[in-house]
Amino acid sequence: MPIATPEAYAEMLDRAKANGFAYPAINVTSSQTLNAALRGFAEAESDGIIQVSTGGAEFLSGTTVKDMVTGATALAEYARVVAKKYPVTVALHTDHCPKDKLDGFMRPLIAISAERVARGEDPLFQSHMWDGSAVPLEENLSIAAELVEKCAQARVIMEMEIGVVGGEEDGIVGEINEKLYTTPSDALATVEAVGLGEKGRYMLAATFGNVHGVYKPGHVKLRPSVLKEIQEAVGAKYGKEKPFDLVFHGGSGSLLEEIHEAISYGVVKMNIDTDTQYAFTRPVADHMFRNYDGVLKVDGEVGNKKTYDPRSYGKAAEAGMAQRVVVACQDLKSAGTKMS
């Protein structure tokens, strides 16, 4: 299937919320990790979301070029070609964009989509994330109000974050403190600033103890009930059940019951990165250890071309990551729910 149209993406999110599941949003950094994500979705018979961060986009452009817009555009165009060979619908998304990278990443990509839409084409990406967690809430919401309008004009859904996700991702560091938990007042202020869809559709990453990366049990306490509290507070004021389309960030190491509880409160998207990174790299490490004298020309020998050919370990890496994507679909209950 081709990449999701704006209408198909909206339908994906609506179906997830109505039927009690969420889509894995898989971070990719290369054509091969993209292929692994597509393969995983297809094997799970799940639609899904593929996303690229600022660092991932920079890497995709080439390690000496380091241009985020170039890398993101290249990924989106490549995805449009290869995704047609898979029997699932996939949306493209850009992950965390902090304030200092808006002019070099999110705003130019929105402008590209606006130009495409003006020509009668679909937007380049289906959604973009503004990460205002590092600035005061008032400033966060002011920027969000500007961006949601521009996204709507480009037929793109905005994602925004209120509260802070702990840990580190692509240089964005969130301290582990009380800001890890979004409050009902934060949520009410968000609606006052960006509305409930009438100014443009958006997804909300409300924090409930989330931390990027891998952490040991007890390092941080997830409280999915925070999501219930903000949905009820806003829902009571505006007369709408589960008014927010919620996003779960920093889910590595989460208990399955915590994930399912979060979904029950309106989570429709869960970011997956650390776990799939490991699932991709682990088979490569295994290949290198098992074929040490083949991948290295030890003591002047010639090695074994079949083992140092990148395709030999790349196939194993793709298979390993694809299987982890299948597990994510099963955990989020999206397996077997594809639209096509």
Protein backbone atom coordinates (compact mmCIF):
# COMPACT_ATOMS: atom_id res chain seq x y z
CA MET A 1 0.00 0.00 0.00
CA PRO A 2 1.15 3.57 -0.51
CA ILE A 3 1.99 5.89 2.36
CA ALA A 4 -1.18 7.01 4.19
CA THR A 5 -3.11 9.94 2.81
CA PRO A 6 -4.23 12.56 5.34
CA GLU A 7 -7.67 10.93 5.31
CA ALA A 8 -6.26 7.44 5.85
CA TYR A 9 -4.07 8.66 8.71
CA ALA A 10 -7.03 10.28 10.43
CA GLU A 11 -8.95 7.04 10.00
CA MET A 12 -6.04 5.07 11.49
CA LEU A 13 -6.02 7.20 14.63
CA ASP A 14 -9.81 7.15 14.95
CA ARG A 15 -9.89 3.34 14.62
CA ALA A 16 -7.20 2.91 17.24
CA LYS A 17 -9.00 5.07 19.77
CA ALA A 18 -12.41 3.54 19.10
CA ASN A 19 -11.17 -0.05 19.24
CA GLY A 20 -8.71 0.14 22.14
CA PHE A 21 -5.32 -0.25 20.51
CA ALA A 22 -2.32 1.92 19.67
CA TYR A 23 0.16 2.05 16.82
CA PRO A 24 3.86 1.46 17.34
CA ALA A 25 5.80 4.48 16.04
CA ILE A 26 9.18 3.08 15.04
CA ASN A 27 12.20 5.37 14.87
CA VAL A 28 14.42 4.68 11.86
CA THR A 29 17.82 5.99 10.84
CA SER A 30 18.45 4.29 7.49
CA SER A 31 16.79 2.61 4.54
CA GLN A 32 17.49 -0.74 6.17
CA THR A 33 15.82 0.09 9.48
CA LEU A 34 12.90 1.48 7.47
CA ASN A 35 12.65 -1.83 5.61
CA ALA A 36 12.76 -3.68 8.93
CA ALA A 37 9.88 -1.60 10.29
CA LEU A 38 7.80 -2.17 7.15
CA ARG A 39 8.49 -5.88 7.28
CA GLY A 40 7.49 -6.03 10.94
CA PHE A 41 4.21 -4.23 10.34
CA ALA A 42 3.41 -6.51 7.40
CA GLU A 43 4.19 -9.66 9.38
CA ALA A 44 1.99 -8.44 12.23
CA GLU A 45 -0.76 -7.41 9.80
CA SER A 46 -0.75 -4.00 11.44
CA ASP A 47 -0.74 -0.50 10.06
CA GLY A 48 1.83 1.69 11.73
CA ILE A 49 3.89 4.85 12.01
CA ILE A 50 7.50 5.30 10.97
CA GLN A 51 9.31 8.28 12.41
CA VAL A 52 12.64 10.06 12.22
CA SER A 53 14.22 12.29 14.85
CA THR A 54 16.39 15.35 14.24
CA GLY A 55 19.51 13.24 14.81
CA GLY A 56 18.18 10.44 12.64
CA ALA A 57 17.41 12.87 9.82
CA GLU A 58 20.86 14.42 10.08
CA PHE A 59 22.44 10.95 9.93
CA LEU A 60 20.32 10.01 6.92
CA SER A 61 21.68 12.97 4.96
CA GLY A 62 25.25 11.68 5.33
CA THR A 63 27.67 12.08 8.21
CA THR A 64 29.52 14.93 6.48
CA VAL A 65 26.40 16.66 5.12
CA LYS A 66 24.41 16.74 8.38
CA ASP A 67 21.32 18.41 6.92
CA MET A 68 18.15 17.39 8.71
CA VAL A 69 15.71 18.47 6.00
CA THR A 70 17.70 16.66 3.32
CA GLY A 71 17.81 13.46 5.34
CA ALA A 72 14.12 13.57 6.28
CA THR A 73 13.07 14.31 2.69
CA ALA A 74 15.22 11.48 1.33
CA LEU A 75 13.69 9.03 3.82
CA ALA A 76 10.14 10.10 2.95
CA GLU A 77 10.72 9.78 -0.78
CA TYR A 78 12.39 6.37 -0.41
CA ALA A 79 9.57 5.20 1.85
CA ARG A 80 6.99 6.18 -0.75
CA VAL A 81 8.59 3.79 -3.24
CA VAL A 82 9.25 0.75 -1.05
CA ALA A 83 6.08 0.97 1.08
CA LYS A 84 3.98 0.18 -2.01
CA LYS A 85 5.24 -3.42 -1.80
CA TYR A 86 3.81 -4.03 1.68
CA PRO A 87 0.12 -4.80 2.38
CA VAL A 88 -0.24 -2.30 5.23
CA THR A 89 -0.82 1.44 5.55
CA VAL A 90 2.03 3.44 7.06
CA ALA A 91 2.24 7.07 8.14
CA LEU A 92 5.44 9.10 8.25
CA HIS A 93 6.20 11.27 11.27
CA THR A 94 9.03 13.44 12.54
CA ASP A 95 9.95 12.98 16.20
CA HIS A 96 11.03 15.44 18.92
CA CYS A 97 11.87 18.87 17.50
CA PRO A 98 13.01 21.33 20.18
CA LYS A 99 12.77 25.11 19.84
CA ASP A 100 16.33 25.60 18.59
CA LYS A 101 15.75 23.21 15.67
CA LEU A 102 12.33 24.39 14.52
CA ASP A 103 13.76 26.62 11.76
CA GLY A 104 16.12 23.90 10.57
CA PHE A 105 13.74 20.95 10.70
CA MET A 106 10.02 21.15 11.41
CA ARG A 107 9.12 24.50 9.83
CA PRO A 108 10.90 23.80 6.49
CA LEU A 109 9.29 20.35 6.30
CA ILE A 110 5.84 21.84 6.91
CA ALA A 111 6.57 24.36 4.15
CA ILE A 112 7.51 21.53 1.76
CA SER A 113 4.21 19.81 2.54
CA ALA A 114 2.28 23.04 2.02
CA GLU A 115 3.87 23.40 -1.42
CA ARG A 116 2.99 19.80 -2.26
CA VAL A 117 -0.62 20.28 -1.15
CA ALA A 118 -0.87 23.44 -3.26
CA ARG A 119 0.09 21.29 -6.27
CA GLY A 120 -2.63 18.78 -5.42
CA GLU A 121 -0.27 16.26 -3.85
CA ASP A 122 -0.23 14.67 -0.38
CA PRO A 123 2.03 16.19 2.30
CA LEU A 124 5.58 14.86 2.60
CA PHE A 125 5.04 13.71 6.20
CA GLN A 126 1.71 12.99 7.82
CA SER A 127 2.61 14.42 11.23
CA HIS A 128 5.33 16.39 12.99
CA MET A 129 6.20 16.71 16.67
CA TRP A 130 6.90 20.02 18.36
CA ASP A 131 8.79 19.33 21.60
CA GLY A 132 8.32 22.32 23.86
CA SER A 133 9.12 20.44 27.05
CA ALA A 134 12.30 22.48 27.63
CA VAL A 135 10.56 25.87 27.58
CA PRO A 136 7.96 27.34 29.96
CA LEU A 137 4.44 26.05 29.34
CA GLU A 138 3.14 29.46 28.21
CA GLU A 139 5.82 29.68 25.52
CA ASN A 140 5.32 26.02 24.60
CA LEU A 141 1.62 26.61 23.99
CA SER A 142 2.18 29.86 22.11
CA ILE A 143 4.49 28.11 19.64
CA ALA A 144 2.11 25.14 19.45
CA ALA A 145 -0.76 27.45 18.50
CA GLU A 146 1.30 28.85 15.62
CA LEU A 147 2.44 25.42 14.44
CA VAL A 148 -0.92 23.66 14.60
CA GLU A 149 -2.35 26.28 12.24
CA LYS A 150 0.51 25.84 9.77
CA CYS A 151 0.25 22.06 10.02
CA ALA A 152 -3.49 22.20 9.33
CA GLN A 153 -2.88 24.29 6.21
CA ALA A 154 -0.41 21.62 5.03
CA ARG A 155 -2.89 18.81 5.87
CA VAL A 156 -0.52 17.56 8.54
CA ILE A 157 -1.28 16.49 12.13
CA MET A 158 0.82 18.08 14.87
CA GLU A 159 2.09 16.26 17.94
CA MET A 160 3.06 18.27 21.00
CA GLU A 161 4.36 17.51 24.47
CA ILE A 162 3.40 18.97 27.81
CA GLY A 163 5.46 17.89 30.77
CA VAL A 164 8.91 16.35 30.44
CA VAL A 165 10.08 12.91 29.32
CA GLY A 166 13.12 12.02 31.41
CA GLY A 167 16.38 10.60 30.13
CA GLU A 168 18.10 11.59 26.89
CA GLU A 169 17.32 11.33 23.19
CA ASP A 170 19.31 13.07 20.46
CA GLY A 171 20.79 15.53 22.95
CA ILE A 172 17.44 16.45 24.50
CA VAL A 173 17.79 15.77 28.23
CA GLY A 174 14.85 15.62 30.57
CA GLU A 175 15.51 15.75 34.29
CA ILE A 176 13.73 13.24 36.49
CA ASN A 177 11.53 15.41 38.70
CA GLU A 178 7.90 16.42 39.24
CA LYS A 179 7.64 17.68 35.64
CA LEU A 180 7.51 14.04 34.55
CA TYR A 181 3.82 14.16 35.47
CA THR A 182 1.42 16.35 33.47
CA THR A 183 -1.32 18.02 35.51
CA PRO A 184 -4.99 18.63 34.63
CA SER A 185 -4.29 22.37 34.68
CA ASP A 186 -1.58 21.85 32.03
CA ALA A 187 -4.10 19.99 29.89
CA LEU A 188 -6.78 22.67 30.29
CA ALA A 189 -4.29 25.37 29.34
CA THR A 190 -3.40 23.33 26.25
CA VAL A 191 -7.00 23.29 25.05
CA GLU A 192 -7.33 27.04 25.63
CA ALA A 193 -4.29 27.59 23.41
CA VAL A 194 -4.72 25.05 20.60
CA GLY A 195 -8.34 23.94 20.87
CA LEU A 196 -9.73 20.43 20.50
CA GLY A 197 -9.30 19.98 16.77
CA GLU A 198 -11.13 23.00 15.41
CA LYS A 199 -7.80 24.80 14.83
CA GLY A 200 -6.13 21.68 13.47
CA ARG A 201 -5.83 18.11 14.64
CA TYR A 202 -3.06 17.27 17.06
CA MET A 203 -1.80 14.45 19.25
CA LEU A 204 -0.72 15.09 22.82
CA ALA A 205 2.28 13.55 24.53
CA ALA A 206 1.25 14.02 28.14
CA THR A 207 3.84 12.70 30.56
CA PHE A 208 3.19 10.25 33.36
CA GLY A 209 6.69 9.31 34.50
CA ASN A 210 8.11 8.45 31.08
CA VAL A 211 11.87 8.14 30.53
CA HIS A 212 13.76 7.70 27.26
CA GLY A 213 16.17 4.78 27.05
CA VAL A 214 16.43 1.63 29.13
CA TYR A 215 15.98 1.83 32.87
CA LYS A 216 15.88 -0.68 35.66
CA PRO A 217 12.62 -1.32 37.54
CA GLY A 218 12.12 1.27 40.26
CA HIS A 219 14.18 3.94 38.50
CA VAL A 220 11.03 5.89 37.74
CA LYS A 221 7.38 5.33 38.57
CA LEU A 222 4.92 5.31 35.70
CA ARG A 223 1.46 6.56 36.67
CA PRO A 224 -0.89 5.94 33.72
CA SER A 225 -3.75 7.22 35.90
CA VAL A 226 -2.39 10.72 35.14
CA LEU A 227 -3.73 10.26 31.61
CA LYS A 228 -7.16 9.39 32.95
CA GLU A 229 -7.14 12.49 35.14
CA ILE A 230 -6.36 14.90 32.30
CA GLN A 231 -8.88 13.27 29.95
CA GLU A 232 -11.60 13.53 32.60
CA ALA A 233 -10.75 17.10 33.56
CA VAL A 234 -10.87 18.36 29.98
CA GLY A 235 -13.75 16.07 29.04
CA ALA A 236 -15.89 17.38 31.90
CA LYS A 237 -15.34 21.00 30.88
CA TYR A 238 -15.92 20.48 27.16
CA GLY A 239 -18.43 17.64 27.20
CA LYS A 240 -16.30 15.22 25.23
CA GLU A 241 -15.17 11.74 26.26
CA LYS A 242 -11.41 11.16 25.96
CA PRO A 243 -10.87 14.44 24.12
CA PHE A 244 -7.14 13.91 23.52
CA ASP A 245 -5.38 11.55 21.12
CA LEU A 246 -2.54 10.63 23.47
CA VAL A 247 1.03 9.52 22.77
CA PHE A 248 3.18 7.31 25.00
CA HIS A 249 6.87 8.30 24.95
CA GLY A 250 9.73 6.52 26.72
CA GLY A 251 8.06 3.13 26.91
CA SER A 252 11.12 0.85 27.02
CA GLY A 253 10.95 -1.42 30.02
CA SER A 254 7.30 -0.66 30.71
CA LEU A 255 5.13 -3.43 32.08
CA LEU A 256 2.49 -4.77 29.71
CA GLU A 257 -0.27 -3.88 32.15
CA GLU A 258 0.99 -0.27 32.24
CA ILE A 259 0.91 -0.12 28.45
CA HIS A 260 -2.61 -1.53 28.30
CA GLU A 261 -3.82 0.83 31.01
CA ALA A 262 -2.42 3.79 29.08
CA ILE A 263 -4.19 2.61 25.91
CA SER A 264 -7.47 2.40 27.81
CA TYR A 265 -7.17 6.12 28.58
CA GLY A 266 -6.80 7.13 24.92
CA VAL A 267 -3.20 6.45 23.89
CA VAL A 268 -3.17 5.86 20.10
CA LYS A 269 0.58 6.02 19.44
CA MET A 270 3.57 4.65 21.34
CA ASN A 271 7.15 5.48 20.37
CA ILE A 272 9.55 2.56 20.02
CA ASP A 273 13.27 3.24 19.57
CA THR A 274 15.65 1.78 22.17
CA ASP A 275 14.21 -1.73 21.93
CA THR A 276 14.32 -1.84 18.14
CA GLN A 277 17.85 -0.41 18.09
CA TYR A 278 19.01 -3.31 20.24
CA ALA A 279 17.01 -5.83 18.20
CA PHE A 280 18.76 -4.57 15.06
CA THR A 281 22.28 -4.51 16.51
CA ARG A 282 22.22 -7.76 18.51
CA PRO A 283 22.28 -10.06 15.43
CA VAL A 284 25.16 -8.00 14.00
CA ALA A 285 27.18 -8.53 17.19
CA ASP A 286 26.39 -12.25 17.05
CA HIS A 287 27.57 -12.42 13.43
CA MET A 288 30.84 -10.65 14.24
CA PHE A 289 31.63 -12.88 17.21
CA ARG A 290 30.85 -16.06 15.30
CA ASN A 291 32.76 -14.99 12.19
CA TYR A 292 35.68 -13.17 13.77
CA ASP A 293 38.34 -14.58 11.43
CA GLY A 294 36.08 -14.08 8.42
CA VAL A 295 35.16 -10.43 8.90
CA LEU A 296 38.77 -9.51 9.79
CA LYS A 297 41.83 -10.25 7.71
CA VAL A 298 43.67 -11.68 10.70
CA ASP A 299 47.44 -12.17 10.45
CA GLY A 300 47.52 -11.19 6.81
CA GLU A 301 44.89 -13.68 5.71
CA VAL A 302 42.18 -12.81 3.20
CA GLY A 303 39.12 -13.21 5.42
CA ASN A 304 35.81 -14.41 4.06
CA LYS A 305 34.03 -12.05 1.70
CA LYS A 306 30.69 -13.73 2.36
CA THR A 307 30.88 -12.82 6.04
CA TYR A 308 32.08 -9.23 5.69
CA ASP A 309 29.61 -8.44 2.91
CA PRO A 310 27.24 -6.01 4.71
CA ARG A 311 24.27 -7.91 3.31
CA SER A 312 25.21 -11.03 5.29
CA TYR A 313 24.75 -9.42 8.69
CA GLY A 314 22.30 -6.79 7.41
CA LYS A 315 19.74 -9.49 6.64
CA ALA A 316 20.00 -10.79 10.19
CA ALA A 317 19.71 -7.27 11.59
CA GLU A 318 16.57 -6.57 9.54
CA ALA A 319 14.98 -9.83 10.63
CA GLY A 320 15.79 -9.15 14.29
CA MET A 321 14.31 -5.67 14.25
CA ALA A 322 11.26 -6.78 12.28
CA GLN A 323 10.50 -9.41 14.90
CA ARG A 324 10.67 -6.78 17.65
CA VAL A 325 8.22 -4.63 15.69
CA VAL A 326 5.85 -7.62 15.58
CA VAL A 327 6.10 -7.90 19.37
CA ALA A 328 5.34 -4.18 19.68
CA CYS A 329 2.22 -4.60 17.55
CA GLN A 330 1.10 -7.50 19.69
CA ASP A 331 1.74 -5.59 22.91
CA LEU A 332 -0.19 -2.55 21.65
CA LYS A 333 -3.03 -4.73 20.29
CA SER A 334 -2.65 -3.40 16.74
CA ALA A 335 -1.66 -6.79 15.30
CA GLY A 336 -4.29 -8.04 12.86
CA THR A 337 -6.09 -4.68 12.63
CA LYS A 338 -4.76 -3.39 9.28
CA MET A 339 -7.24 -1.42 7.19
CA SER A 340 -6.31 -2.96 3.83
